[in-house]
PDB file of all heavy atoms in Angstrom:
ATOM      1  N   TRP A   1       0.931   9.832   3.291  1.00  0.00           N
ATOM      2  CA  TRP A   1       1.058  10.066   1.864  1.00  0.00           C
ATOM      3  C   TRP A   1       1.592   8.827   1.126  1.00  0.00           C
ATOM      4  O   TRP A   1       2.463   8.918   0.267  1.00  0.00           O
ATOM      5  CB  TRP A   1       1.947  11.282   1.591  1.00  0.00           C
ATOM      6  CG  TRP A   1       1.424  12.507   2.272  1.00  0.00           C
ATOM      7  CD1 TRP A   1       0.315  13.227   1.948  1.00  0.00           C
ATOM      8  CD2 TRP A   1       1.956  13.133   3.438  1.00  0.00           C
ATOM      9  NE1 TRP A   1       0.120  14.249   2.822  1.00  0.00           N
ATOM     10  CE2 TRP A   1       1.131  14.230   3.749  1.00  0.00           C
ATOM     11  CE3 TRP A   1       3.057  12.884   4.235  1.00  0.00           C
ATOM     12  CZ2 TRP A   1       1.358  15.070   4.838  1.00  0.00           C
ATOM     13  CZ3 TRP A   1       3.284  13.708   5.316  1.00  0.00           C
ATOM     14  CH2 TRP A   1       2.451  14.789   5.603  1.00  0.00           C
ATOM     15  N   GLY A   2       1.062   7.656   1.515  1.00  0.00           N
ATOM     16  CA  GLY A   2       1.383   6.435   0.795  1.00  0.00           C
ATOM     17  C   GLY A   2       2.644   5.723   1.233  1.00  0.00           C
ATOM     18  O   GLY A   2       3.036   4.727   0.610  1.00  0.00           O
ATOM     19  N   PHE A   3       3.317   6.185   2.305  1.00  0.00           N
ATOM     20  CA  PHE A   3       4.533   5.501   2.748  1.00  0.00           C
ATOM     21  C   PHE A   3       4.188   4.089   3.204  1.00  0.00           C
ATOM     22  O   PHE A   3       3.309   3.890   4.045  1.00  0.00           O
ATOM     23  CB  PHE A   3       5.201   6.257   3.892  1.00  0.00           C
ATOM     24  CG  PHE A   3       6.428   5.563   4.446  1.00  0.00           C
ATOM     25  CD1 PHE A   3       7.611   5.545   3.733  1.00  0.00           C
ATOM     26  CD2 PHE A   3       6.377   4.931   5.685  1.00  0.00           C
ATOM     27  CE1 PHE A   3       8.735   4.899   4.253  1.00  0.00           C
ATOM     28  CE2 PHE A   3       7.489   4.291   6.203  1.00  0.00           C
ATOM     29  CZ  PHE A   3       8.676   4.287   5.480  1.00  0.00           C
ATOM     30  N   ASP A   4       4.898   3.083   2.653  1.00  0.00           N
ATOM     31  CA  ASP A   4       4.681   1.673   2.966  1.00  0.00           C
ATOM     32  C   ASP A   4       5.855   1.191   3.805  1.00  0.00           C
ATOM     33  O   ASP A   4       6.915   0.855   3.281  1.00  0.00           O
ATOM     34  CB  ASP A   4       4.566   0.863   1.671  1.00  0.00           C
ATOM     35  CG  ASP A   4       4.233  -0.605   1.920  1.00  0.00           C
ATOM     36  OD1 ASP A   4       4.086  -0.981   3.095  1.00  0.00           O
ATOM     37  OD2 ASP A   4       4.119  -1.360   0.943  1.00  0.00           O
ATOM     38  N   GLY A   5       5.677   1.183   5.114  1.00  0.00           N
ATOM     39  CA  GLY A   5       6.780   0.897   6.014  1.00  0.00           C
ATOM     40  C   GLY A   5       6.919  -0.569   6.364  1.00  0.00           C
ATOM     41  O   GLY A   5       5.965  -1.346   6.318  1.00  0.00           O
ATOM     42  N   VAL A   6       8.154  -0.963   6.701  1.00  0.00           N
ATOM     43  CA  VAL A   6       8.465  -2.280   7.249  1.00  0.00           C
ATOM     44  C   VAL A   6       9.060  -2.040   8.635  1.00  0.00           C
ATOM     45  O   VAL A   6       9.946  -1.192   8.803  1.00  0.00           O
ATOM     46  CB  VAL A   6       9.464  -3.049   6.364  1.00  0.00           C
ATOM     47  CG1 VAL A   6       9.750  -4.422   6.964  1.00  0.00           C
ATOM     48  CG2 VAL A   6       8.922  -3.197   4.949  1.00  0.00           C
ATOM     49  N   LEU A   7       8.585  -2.776   9.625  1.00  0.00           N
ATOM     50  CA  LEU A   7       8.951  -2.561  11.026  1.00  0.00           C
ATOM     51  C   LEU A   7       9.685  -3.777  11.567  1.00  0.00           C
ATOM     52  O   LEU A   7       9.259  -4.912  11.351  1.00  0.00           O
ATOM     53  CB  LEU A   7       7.679  -2.297  11.843  1.00  0.00           C
ATOM     54  CG  LEU A   7       7.795  -2.289  13.369  1.00  0.00           C
ATOM     55  CD1 LEU A   7       8.695  -1.160  13.845  1.00  0.00           C
ATOM     56  CD2 LEU A   7       6.400  -2.176  13.985  1.00  0.00           C
ATOM     57  N   GLU A   8      10.792  -3.534  12.282  1.00  0.00           N
ATOM     58  CA  GLU A   8      11.539  -4.611  12.927  1.00  0.00           C
ATOM     59  C   GLU A   8      11.832  -4.240  14.370  1.00  0.00           C
ATOM     60  O   GLU A   8      12.017  -3.062  14.700  1.00  0.00           O
ATOM     61  CB  GLU A   8      12.869  -4.872  12.213  1.00  0.00           C
ATOM     62  CG  GLU A   8      12.741  -5.378  10.798  1.00  0.00           C
ATOM     63  CD  GLU A   8      14.081  -5.595  10.131  1.00  0.00           C
ATOM     64  OE1 GLU A   8      15.120  -5.172  10.701  1.00  0.00           O
ATOM     65  OE2 GLU A   8      14.094  -6.185   9.044  1.00  0.00           O
ATOM     66  N   ILE A   9      11.895  -5.244  15.236  1.00  0.00           N
ATOM     67  CA  ILE A   9      12.411  -5.071  16.587  1.00  0.00           C
ATOM     68  C   ILE A   9      13.621  -5.980  16.727  1.00  0.00           C
ATOM     69  O   ILE A   9      13.554  -7.175  16.410  1.00  0.00           O
ATOM     70  CB  ILE A   9      11.335  -5.381  17.660  1.00  0.00           C
ATOM     71  CG1 ILE A   9      11.898  -5.205  19.059  1.00  0.00           C
ATOM     72  CG2 ILE A   9      10.730  -6.746  17.462  1.00  0.00           C
ATOM     73  CD1 ILE A   9      12.173  -3.772  19.437  1.00  0.00           C
ATOM     74  N   VAL A  10      14.753  -5.402  17.158  1.00  0.00           N
ATOM     75  CA  VAL A  10      16.036  -6.107  17.195  1.00  0.00           C
ATOM     76  C   VAL A  10      16.488  -6.235  18.644  1.00  0.00           C
ATOM     77  O   VAL A  10      16.468  -5.255  19.407  1.00  0.00           O
ATOM     78  CB  VAL A  10      17.095  -5.347  16.376  1.00  0.00           C
ATOM     79  CG1 VAL A  10      18.406  -6.127  16.352  1.00  0.00           C
ATOM     80  CG2 VAL A  10      16.596  -5.106  14.953  1.00  0.00           C
ATOM     81  N   ALA A  11      16.901  -7.440  19.037  1.00  0.00           N
ATOM     82  CA  ALA A  11      17.353  -7.714  20.396  1.00  0.00           C
ATOM     83  C   ALA A  11      18.719  -7.074  20.647  1.00  0.00           C
ATOM     84  O   ALA A  11      19.427  -6.706  19.704  1.00  0.00           O
ATOM     85  CB  ALA A  11      17.420  -9.217  20.627  1.00  0.00           C
ATOM     86  N   PRO A  12      19.115  -6.943  21.923  1.00  0.00           N
ATOM     87  CA  PRO A  12      20.432  -6.364  22.232  1.00  0.00           C
ATOM     88  C   PRO A  12      21.586  -7.070  21.527  1.00  0.00           C
ATOM     89  O   PRO A  12      22.592  -6.448  21.195  1.00  0.00           O
ATOM     90  CB  PRO A  12      20.520  -6.511  23.757  1.00  0.00           C
ATOM     91  CG  PRO A  12      19.099  -6.502  24.219  1.00  0.00           C
ATOM     92  CD  PRO A  12      18.329  -7.205  23.145  1.00  0.00           C
ATOM     93  N   GLY A  13      21.460  -8.368  21.278  1.00  0.00           N
ATOM     94  CA  GLY A  13      22.516  -9.111  20.603  1.00  0.00           C
ATOM     95  C   GLY A  13      22.507  -8.996  19.094  1.00  0.00           C
ATOM     96  O   GLY A  13      23.349  -9.576  18.421  1.00  0.00           O
ATOM     97  N   GLY A  14      21.527  -8.277  18.528  1.00  0.00           N
ATOM     98  CA  GLY A  14      21.467  -8.079  17.085  1.00  0.00           C
ATOM     99  C   GLY A  14      20.489  -8.980  16.361  1.00  0.00           C
ATOM    100  O   GLY A  14      20.304  -8.853  15.149  1.00  0.00           O
ATOM    101  N   GLN A  15      19.826  -9.900  17.066  1.00  0.00           N
ATOM    102  CA  GLN A  15      18.866 -10.795  16.432  1.00  0.00           C
ATOM    103  C   GLN A  15      17.568 -10.053  16.138  1.00  0.00           C
ATOM    104  O   GLN A  15      17.031  -9.354  16.992  1.00  0.00           O
ATOM    105  CB  GLN A  15      18.569 -11.988  17.332  1.00  0.00           C
ATOM    106  CG  GLN A  15      17.512 -12.943  16.775  1.00  0.00           C
ATOM    107  CD  GLN A  15      17.047 -13.950  17.788  1.00  0.00           C
ATOM    108  OE1 GLN A  15      17.400 -13.858  18.966  1.00  0.00           O
ATOM    109  NE2 GLN A  15      16.253 -14.902  17.353  1.00  0.00           N
ATOM    110  N   VAL A  16      17.056 -10.208  14.912  1.00  0.00           N
ATOM    111  CA  VAL A  16      15.769  -9.627  14.563  1.00  0.00           C
ATOM    112  C   VAL A  16      14.674 -10.514  15.162  1.00  0.00           C
ATOM    113  O   VAL A  16      14.490 -11.658  14.753  1.00  0.00           O
ATOM    114  CB  VAL A  16      15.585  -9.510  13.039  1.00  0.00           C
ATOM    115  CG1 VAL A  16      14.200  -8.964  12.700  1.00  0.00           C
ATOM    116  CG2 VAL A  16      16.653  -8.606  12.440  1.00  0.00           C
ATOM    117  N   LEU A  17      13.936  -9.987  16.139  1.00  0.00           N
ATOM    118  CA  LEU A  17      12.906 -10.768  16.820  1.00  0.00           C
ATOM    119  C   LEU A  17      11.619 -10.839  16.012  1.00  0.00           C
ATOM    120  O   LEU A  17      10.946 -11.870  15.992  1.00  0.00           O
ATOM    121  CB  LEU A  17      12.615 -10.163  18.198  1.00  0.00           C
ATOM    122  CG  LEU A  17      13.804 -10.100  19.157  1.00  0.00           C
ATOM    123  CD1 LEU A  17      13.397  -9.441  20.461  1.00  0.00           C
ATOM    124  CD2 LEU A  17      14.356 -11.495  19.415  1.00  0.00           C
ATOM    125  N   GLN A  18      11.260  -9.716  15.385  1.00  0.00           N
ATOM    126  CA  GLN A  18      10.068  -9.685  14.542  1.00  0.00           C
ATOM    127  C   GLN A  18      10.310  -8.734  13.379  1.00  0.00           C
ATOM    128  O   GLN A  18      10.990  -7.714  13.532  1.00  0.00           O
ATOM    129  CB  GLN A  18       8.829  -9.196  15.303  1.00  0.00           C
ATOM    130  CG  GLN A  18       8.253 -10.146  16.308  1.00  0.00           C
ATOM    131  CD  GLN A  18       6.842  -9.739  16.713  1.00  0.00           C
ATOM    132  OE1 GLN A  18       5.928  -9.664  15.886  1.00  0.00           O
ATOM    133  NE2 GLN A  18       6.658  -9.478  18.000  1.00  0.00           N
ATOM    134  N   ARG A  19       9.772  -9.090  12.237  1.00  0.00           N
ATOM    135  CA  ARG A  19       9.710  -8.179  11.087  1.00  0.00           C
ATOM    136  C   ARG A  19       8.277  -8.197  10.584  1.00  0.00           C
ATOM    137  O   ARG A  19       7.719  -9.254  10.323  1.00  0.00           O
ATOM    138  CB  ARG A  19      10.667  -8.615   9.982  1.00  0.00           C
ATOM    139  CG  ARG A  19      10.574  -7.736   8.731  1.00  0.00           C
ATOM    140  CD  ARG A  19      11.494  -8.209   7.622  1.00  0.00           C
ATOM    141  NE  ARG A  19      12.888  -8.012   7.969  1.00  0.00           N
ATOM    142  CZ  ARG A  19      13.775  -8.997   8.075  1.00  0.00           C
ATOM    143  NH1 ARG A  19      13.394 -10.249   7.866  1.00  0.00           N
ATOM    144  NH2 ARG A  19      15.035  -8.752   8.388  1.00  0.00           N
ATOM    145  N   VAL A  20       7.646  -7.021  10.478  1.00  0.00           N
ATOM    146  CA  VAL A  20       6.235  -6.937  10.139  1.00  0.00           C
ATOM    147  C   VAL A  20       6.055  -5.982   8.966  1.00  0.00           C
ATOM    148  O   VAL A  20       6.638  -4.896   8.937  1.00  0.00           O
ATOM    149  CB  VAL A  20       5.395  -6.444  11.345  1.00  0.00           C
ATOM    150  CG1 VAL A  20       3.915  -6.489  11.007  1.00  0.00           C
ATOM    151  CG2 VAL A  20       5.683  -7.281  12.576  1.00  0.00           C
ATOM    152  N   ASP A  21       5.231  -6.408   8.023  1.00  0.00           N
ATOM    153  CA  ASP A  21       4.892  -5.566   6.873  1.00  0.00           C
ATOM    154  C   ASP A  21       3.439  -5.824   6.503  1.00  0.00           C
ATOM    155  O   ASP A  21       3.002  -6.978   6.454  1.00  0.00           O
ATOM    156  CB  ASP A  21       5.811  -5.903   5.694  1.00  0.00           C
ATOM    157  CG  ASP A  21       5.501  -5.093   4.446  1.00  0.00           C
ATOM    158  OD1 ASP A  21       4.931  -4.003   4.587  1.00  0.00           O
ATOM    159  OD2 ASP A  21       5.833  -5.543   3.347  1.00  0.00           O
ATOM    160  N   ASP A  22       2.677  -4.781   6.271  1.00  0.00           N
ATOM    161  CA  ASP A  22       1.300  -4.895   5.774  1.00  0.00           C
ATOM    162  C   ASP A  22       0.409  -5.704   6.704  1.00  0.00           C
ATOM    163  O   ASP A  22      -0.343  -6.573   6.281  1.00  0.00           O
ATOM    164  CB  ASP A  22       1.276  -5.536   4.387  1.00  0.00           C
ATOM    165  CG  ASP A  22       1.939  -4.668   3.337  1.00  0.00           C
ATOM    166  OD1 ASP A  22       2.315  -3.532   3.667  1.00  0.00           O
ATOM    167  OD2 ASP A  22       2.080  -5.115   2.203  1.00  0.00           O
ATOM    168  N   ILE A  23       0.452  -5.426   7.989  1.00  0.00           N
ATOM    169  CA  ILE A  23      -0.427  -6.113   8.932  1.00  0.00           C
ATOM    170  C   ILE A  23      -1.451  -5.112   9.442  1.00  0.00           C
ATOM    171  O   ILE A  23      -1.103  -4.100  10.046  1.00  0.00           O
ATOM    172  CB  ILE A  23       0.361  -6.684  10.123  1.00  0.00           C
ATOM    173  CG1 ILE A  23       1.404  -7.685   9.620  1.00  0.00           C
ATOM    174  CG2 ILE A  23      -0.568  -7.341  11.121  1.00  0.00           C
ATOM    175  CD1 ILE A  23       0.803  -8.893   8.949  1.00  0.00           C
ATOM    176  N   GLY A  24      -2.713  -5.394   9.177  1.00  0.00           N
ATOM    177  CA  GLY A  24      -3.779  -4.495   9.610  1.00  0.00           C
ATOM    178  C   GLY A  24      -4.148  -4.737  11.054  1.00  0.00           C
ATOM    179  O   GLY A  24      -3.549  -5.550  11.753  1.00  0.00           O
ATOM    180  N   PHE A  25      -5.155  -4.043  11.531  1.00  0.00           N
ATOM    181  CA  PHE A  25      -5.617  -4.176  12.905  1.00  0.00           C
ATOM    182  C   PHE A  25      -7.021  -4.755  12.880  1.00  0.00           C
ATOM    183  O   PHE A  25      -7.916  -4.231  12.223  1.00  0.00           O
ATOM    184  CB  PHE A  25      -5.625  -2.810  13.604  1.00  0.00           C
ATOM    185  CG  PHE A  25      -6.046  -2.877  15.042  1.00  0.00           C
ATOM    186  CD1 PHE A  25      -5.182  -3.396  15.991  1.00  0.00           C
ATOM    187  CD2 PHE A  25      -7.300  -2.456  15.429  1.00  0.00           C
ATOM    188  CE1 PHE A  25      -5.572  -3.470  17.312  1.00  0.00           C
ATOM    189  CE2 PHE A  25      -7.686  -2.526  16.752  1.00  0.00           C
ATOM    190  CZ  PHE A  25      -6.827  -3.031  17.703  1.00  0.00           C
ATOM    191  N   GLY A  26      -7.229  -5.873  13.593  1.00  0.00           N
ATOM    192  CA  GLY A  26      -8.531  -6.521  13.572  1.00  0.00           C
ATOM    193  C   GLY A  26      -8.835  -7.039  12.182  1.00  0.00           C
ATOM    194  O   GLY A  26      -8.064  -7.755  11.577  1.00  0.00           O
ATOM    195  N   GLU A  27      -9.996  -6.656  11.654  1.00  0.00           N
ATOM    196  CA  GLU A  27     -10.405  -7.101  10.334  1.00  0.00           C
ATOM    197  C   GLU A  27     -10.031  -6.096   9.249  1.00  0.00           C
ATOM    198  O   GLU A  27     -10.367  -6.277   8.081  1.00  0.00           O
ATOM    199  CB  GLU A  27     -11.917  -7.348  10.312  1.00  0.00           C
ATOM    200  CG  GLU A  27     -12.356  -8.470  11.261  1.00  0.00           C
ATOM    201  CD  GLU A  27     -13.843  -8.712  11.207  1.00  0.00           C
ATOM    202  OE1 GLU A  27     -14.528  -7.920  10.513  1.00  0.00           O
ATOM    203  OE2 GLU A  27     -14.311  -9.660  11.844  1.00  0.00           O
ATOM    204  N   THR A  28      -9.346  -5.016   9.625  1.00  0.00           N
ATOM    205  CA  THR A  28      -8.983  -3.993   8.647  1.00  0.00           C
ATOM    206  C   THR A  28      -7.589  -4.264   8.114  1.00  0.00           C
ATOM    207  O   THR A  28      -6.632  -4.286   8.866  1.00  0.00           O
ATOM    208  CB  THR A  28      -9.014  -2.594   9.300  1.00  0.00           C
ATOM    209  OG1 THR A  28     -10.306  -2.377   9.824  1.00  0.00           O
ATOM    210  CG2 THR A  28      -8.690  -1.521   8.276  1.00  0.00           C
ATOM    211  N   PHE A  29      -7.456  -4.458   6.810  1.00  0.00           N
ATOM    212  CA  PHE A  29      -6.153  -4.723   6.212  1.00  0.00           C
ATOM    213  C   PHE A  29      -5.593  -3.426   5.650  1.00  0.00           C
ATOM    214  O   PHE A  29      -6.262  -2.725   4.903  1.00  0.00           O
ATOM    215  CB  PHE A  29      -6.265  -5.755   5.086  1.00  0.00           C
ATOM    216  CG  PHE A  29      -4.941  -6.127   4.523  1.00  0.00           C
ATOM    217  CD1 PHE A  29      -4.160  -7.081   5.136  1.00  0.00           C
ATOM    218  CD2 PHE A  29      -4.450  -5.485   3.396  1.00  0.00           C
ATOM    219  CE1 PHE A  29      -2.926  -7.419   4.627  1.00  0.00           C
ATOM    220  CE2 PHE A  29      -3.205  -5.817   2.886  1.00  0.00           C
ATOM    221  CZ  PHE A  29      -2.452  -6.788   3.507  1.00  0.00           C
ATOM    222  N   ASP A  30      -4.381  -3.088   6.024  1.00  0.00           N
ATOM    223  CA  ASP A  30      -3.736  -1.903   5.480  1.00  0.00           C
ATOM    224  C   ASP A  30      -2.242  -2.149   5.408  1.00  0.00           C
ATOM    225  O   ASP A  30      -1.762  -3.236   5.730  1.00  0.00           O
ATOM    226  CB  ASP A  30      -4.066  -0.642   6.283  1.00  0.00           C
ATOM    227  CG  ASP A  30      -3.656  -0.753   7.748  1.00  0.00           C
ATOM    228  OD1 ASP A  30      -2.555  -1.275   8.005  1.00  0.00           O
ATOM    229  OD2 ASP A  30      -4.406  -0.308   8.622  1.00  0.00           O
ATOM    230  N   ILE A  31      -1.492  -1.132   4.970  1.00  0.00           N
ATOM    231  CA  ILE A  31      -0.053  -1.305   4.779  1.00  0.00           C
ATOM    232  C   ILE A  31       0.748  -0.823   5.976  1.00  0.00           C
ATOM    233  O   ILE A  31       1.973  -0.769   5.911  1.00  0.00           O
ATOM    234  CB  ILE A  31       0.422  -0.563   3.504  1.00  0.00           C
ATOM    235  CG1 ILE A  31       0.180   0.952   3.632  1.00  0.00           C
ATOM    236  CG2 ILE A  31      -0.263  -1.125   2.275  1.00  0.00           C
ATOM    237  CD1 ILE A  31       0.748   1.751   2.473  1.00  0.00           C
TER     238      ILE A  31
END
């Protein structure tokens, strides 16, 4: 229903390893 999420993976020490927003799969762009 239109939720636009931001995803993070955080290491055991608290460091943000990746932050991803609006990345589609293959050639399909989505939020």
